[in-house]
Amino acid sequence: MNEGMDMASKEEMRKSVDSAIKVHELEGFKFTEEELTIFDHIANLEITTEEARAIFRERLAGRKETKII
């Protein structure tokens, strides 16, 4: 892949992620440091949004199991 093109897509992803975070924070939502770290990995193109969803689903499932026991 063209490195210049990669940097442009990384910049676009960073703007998109930052915008999404800000919109939710304006609505009063508070993200955890762990969630913000995952979003940072998305913005840096280290993981895909699908991979992030899988991480969130796993963690949510773990919390539900903990509460049931």
N, C-alpha and C. Protein backbone atom coordinates (compact mmCIF):
# COMPACT_ATOMS: atom_id res chain seq x y z
N MET A 1 0.84 -1.19 0.00
CA MET A 1 0.00 0.00 0.00
C MET A 1 0.88 1.24 0.00
N ASN A 2 0.43 2.27 -0.64
CA ASN A 2 1.14 3.54 -0.68
C ASN A 2 1.13 4.16 0.72
N GLU A 3 2.33 4.48 1.24
CA GLU A 3 2.42 5.00 2.60
C GLU A 3 1.69 6.32 2.76
N GLY A 4 1.74 7.19 1.75
CA GLY A 4 1.00 8.45 1.81
C GLY A 4 -0.49 8.22 1.92
N MET A 5 -0.96 7.23 1.18
CA MET A 5 -2.38 6.89 1.23
C MET A 5 -2.73 6.33 2.61
N ASP A 6 -1.83 5.52 3.18
CA ASP A 6 -2.04 4.95 4.50
C ASP A 6 -2.14 6.06 5.56
N MET A 7 -1.27 7.06 5.47
CA MET A 7 -1.30 8.18 6.42
C MET A 7 -2.59 8.96 6.30
N ALA A 8 -3.07 9.16 5.07
CA ALA A 8 -4.33 9.88 4.87
C ALA A 8 -5.48 9.12 5.49
N SER A 9 -5.51 7.81 5.30
CA SER A 9 -6.61 7.02 5.87
C SER A 9 -6.50 6.98 7.39
N LYS A 10 -5.27 6.98 7.91
CA LYS A 10 -5.08 7.00 9.36
C LYS A 10 -5.58 8.33 9.95
N GLU A 11 -5.27 9.42 9.26
CA GLU A 11 -5.74 10.73 9.71
C GLU A 11 -7.26 10.80 9.67
N GLU A 12 -7.86 10.27 8.62
CA GLU A 12 -9.31 10.26 8.51
C GLU A 12 -9.94 9.42 9.62
N MET A 13 -9.34 8.26 9.90
CA MET A 13 -9.86 7.40 10.95
C MET A 13 -9.74 8.09 12.31
N ARG A 14 -8.62 8.75 12.56
CA ARG A 14 -8.43 9.47 13.83
C ARG A 14 -9.52 10.53 13.99
N LYS A 15 -9.79 11.28 12.92
CA LYS A 15 -10.84 12.31 12.99
C LYS A 15 -12.20 11.69 13.25
N SER A 16 -12.48 10.58 12.59
CA SER A 16 -13.78 9.91 12.77
C SER A 16 -13.95 9.38 14.19
N VAL A 17 -12.92 8.75 14.70
CA VAL A 17 -12.99 8.20 16.07
C VAL A 17 -13.13 9.34 17.08
N ASP A 18 -12.30 10.36 16.95
CA ASP A 18 -12.38 11.50 17.88
C ASP A 18 -13.76 12.15 17.84
N SER A 19 -14.31 12.29 16.65
CA SER A 19 -15.64 12.88 16.50
C SER A 19 -16.71 12.02 17.19
N ALA A 20 -16.63 10.72 16.99
CA ALA A 20 -17.61 9.82 17.61
C ALA A 20 -17.52 9.89 19.13
N ILE A 21 -16.32 9.93 19.65
CA ILE A 21 -16.14 10.03 21.11
C ILE A 21 -16.74 11.34 21.62
N LYS A 22 -16.44 12.43 20.95
CA LYS A 22 -16.93 13.74 21.39
C LYS A 22 -18.45 13.83 21.35
N VAL A 23 -19.06 13.27 20.33
CA VAL A 23 -20.53 13.29 20.23
C VAL A 23 -21.15 12.61 21.44
N HIS A 24 -20.61 11.46 21.80
CA HIS A 24 -21.15 10.71 22.94
C HIS A 24 -20.87 11.43 24.26
N GLU A 25 -19.69 12.03 24.37
CA GLU A 25 -19.38 12.78 25.59
C GLU A 25 -20.28 14.01 25.73
N LEU A 26 -20.63 14.64 24.62
CA LEU A 26 -21.56 15.78 24.68
C LEU A 26 -22.93 15.35 25.19
N GLU A 27 -23.27 14.10 24.94
CA GLU A 27 -24.55 13.56 25.42
C GLU A 27 -24.45 13.11 26.88
N GLY A 28 -23.24 13.23 27.45
CA GLY A 28 -23.06 12.90 28.86
C GLY A 28 -22.45 11.53 29.13
N PHE A 29 -22.10 10.79 28.09
CA PHE A 29 -21.52 9.46 28.28
C PHE A 29 -20.07 9.60 28.69
N LYS A 30 -19.65 8.80 29.67
CA LYS A 30 -18.26 8.78 30.13
C LYS A 30 -17.64 7.45 29.75
N PHE A 31 -16.60 7.49 28.92
CA PHE A 31 -15.89 6.28 28.53
C PHE A 31 -14.85 5.93 29.59
N THR A 32 -14.60 4.64 29.75
CA THR A 32 -13.54 4.20 30.65
C THR A 32 -12.20 4.37 29.93
N GLU A 33 -11.12 4.34 30.70
CA GLU A 33 -9.78 4.40 30.10
C GLU A 33 -9.57 3.21 29.17
N GLU A 34 -10.09 2.07 29.56
CA GLU A 34 -9.96 0.87 28.74
C GLU A 34 -10.66 1.05 27.39
N GLU A 35 -11.86 1.62 27.41
CA GLU A 35 -12.59 1.87 26.16
C GLU A 35 -11.84 2.87 25.29
N LEU A 36 -11.33 3.93 25.90
CA LEU A 36 -10.58 4.94 25.14
C LEU A 36 -9.32 4.34 24.53
N THR A 37 -8.69 3.40 25.22
CA THR A 37 -7.51 2.73 24.67
C THR A 37 -7.88 1.91 23.44
N ILE A 38 -9.01 1.21 23.51
CA ILE A 38 -9.47 0.44 22.35
C ILE A 38 -9.77 1.38 21.18
N PHE A 39 -10.42 2.50 21.45
CA PHE A 39 -10.71 3.47 20.40
C PHE A 39 -9.42 4.01 19.78
N ASP A 40 -8.40 4.18 20.62
CA ASP A 40 -7.11 4.65 20.12
C ASP A 40 -6.49 3.63 19.17
N HIS A 41 -6.64 2.35 19.49
CA HIS A 41 -6.13 1.30 18.60
C HIS A 41 -6.87 1.33 17.25
N ILE A 42 -8.16 1.61 17.30
CA ILE A 42 -8.93 1.73 16.05
C ILE A 42 -8.40 2.92 15.24
N ALA A 43 -8.26 4.06 15.91
CA ALA A 43 -7.83 5.29 15.23
C ALA A 43 -6.44 5.14 14.62
N ASN A 44 -5.60 4.32 15.24
CA ASN A 44 -4.24 4.09 14.72
C ASN A 44 -4.18 2.96 13.70
N LEU A 45 -5.36 2.45 13.33
CA LEU A 45 -5.48 1.36 12.36
C LEU A 45 -4.77 0.09 12.82
N GLU A 46 -4.69 -0.09 14.14
CA GLU A 46 -4.06 -1.29 14.70
C GLU A 46 -5.05 -2.44 14.78
N ILE A 47 -6.34 -2.10 14.96
CA ILE A 47 -7.41 -3.09 14.94
C ILE A 47 -8.57 -2.52 14.14
N THR A 48 -9.43 -3.41 13.65
CA THR A 48 -10.61 -2.96 12.90
C THR A 48 -11.76 -2.71 13.87
N THR A 49 -12.79 -2.07 13.38
CA THR A 49 -13.96 -1.86 14.22
C THR A 49 -14.63 -3.20 14.56
N GLU A 50 -14.53 -4.16 13.65
CA GLU A 50 -15.08 -5.49 13.94
C GLU A 50 -14.32 -6.15 15.09
N GLU A 51 -13.01 -6.02 15.09
CA GLU A 51 -12.21 -6.58 16.18
C GLU A 51 -12.55 -5.88 17.50
N ALA A 52 -12.75 -4.58 17.45
CA ALA A 52 -13.13 -3.84 18.66
C ALA A 52 -14.49 -4.29 19.16
N ARG A 53 -15.45 -4.49 18.26
CA ARG A 53 -16.77 -4.98 18.67
C ARG A 53 -16.65 -6.33 19.37
N ALA A 54 -15.81 -7.20 18.82
CA ALA A 54 -15.61 -8.52 19.43
C ALA A 54 -15.05 -8.39 20.85
N ILE A 55 -14.10 -7.48 21.03
CA ILE A 55 -13.53 -7.24 22.36
C ILE A 55 -14.61 -6.77 23.31
N PHE A 56 -15.42 -5.80 22.88
CA PHE A 56 -16.48 -5.28 23.74
C PHE A 56 -17.52 -6.36 24.06
N ARG A 57 -17.88 -7.18 23.06
CA ARG A 57 -18.83 -8.27 23.31
C ARG A 57 -18.30 -9.27 24.32
N GLU A 58 -17.03 -9.64 24.20
CA GLU A 58 -16.41 -10.58 25.14
C GLU A 58 -16.43 -10.01 26.56
N ARG A 59 -16.08 -8.77 26.70
CA ARG A 59 -16.03 -8.14 28.02
C ARG A 59 -17.42 -7.99 28.62
N LEU A 60 -18.39 -7.65 27.79
CA LEU A 60 -19.76 -7.53 28.26
C LEU A 60 -20.29 -8.91 28.69
N ALA A 61 -19.99 -9.93 27.93
CA ALA A 61 -20.42 -11.29 28.29
C ALA A 61 -19.78 -11.71 29.60
N GLY A 62 -18.53 -11.37 29.81
CA GLY A 62 -17.84 -11.69 31.06
C GLY A 62 -18.46 -11.00 32.24
N ARG A 63 -18.88 -9.77 32.08
CA ARG A 63 -19.53 -9.02 33.17
C ARG A 63 -20.88 -9.64 33.51
N LYS A 64 -21.63 -10.05 32.48
CA LYS A 64 -22.94 -10.66 32.74
C LYS A 64 -22.78 -11.96 33.50
N GLU A 65 -21.77 -12.78 33.14
CA GLU A 65 -21.55 -14.05 33.84
C GLU A 65 -21.17 -13.79 35.29
N THR A 66 -20.36 -12.77 35.52
CA THR A 66 -19.94 -12.45 36.88
C THR A 66 -21.13 -12.05 37.74
N LYS A 67 -22.04 -11.29 37.18
CA LYS A 67 -23.20 -10.85 37.94
C LYS A 67 -24.17 -11.99 38.25
N ILE A 68 -24.24 -12.98 37.38
CA ILE A 68 -25.16 -14.08 37.57
C ILE A 68 -24.70 -14.98 38.72
N ILE A 69 -23.41 -15.15 38.85
CA ILE A 69 -22.86 -16.07 39.87
C ILE A 69 -22.98 -15.55 41.25
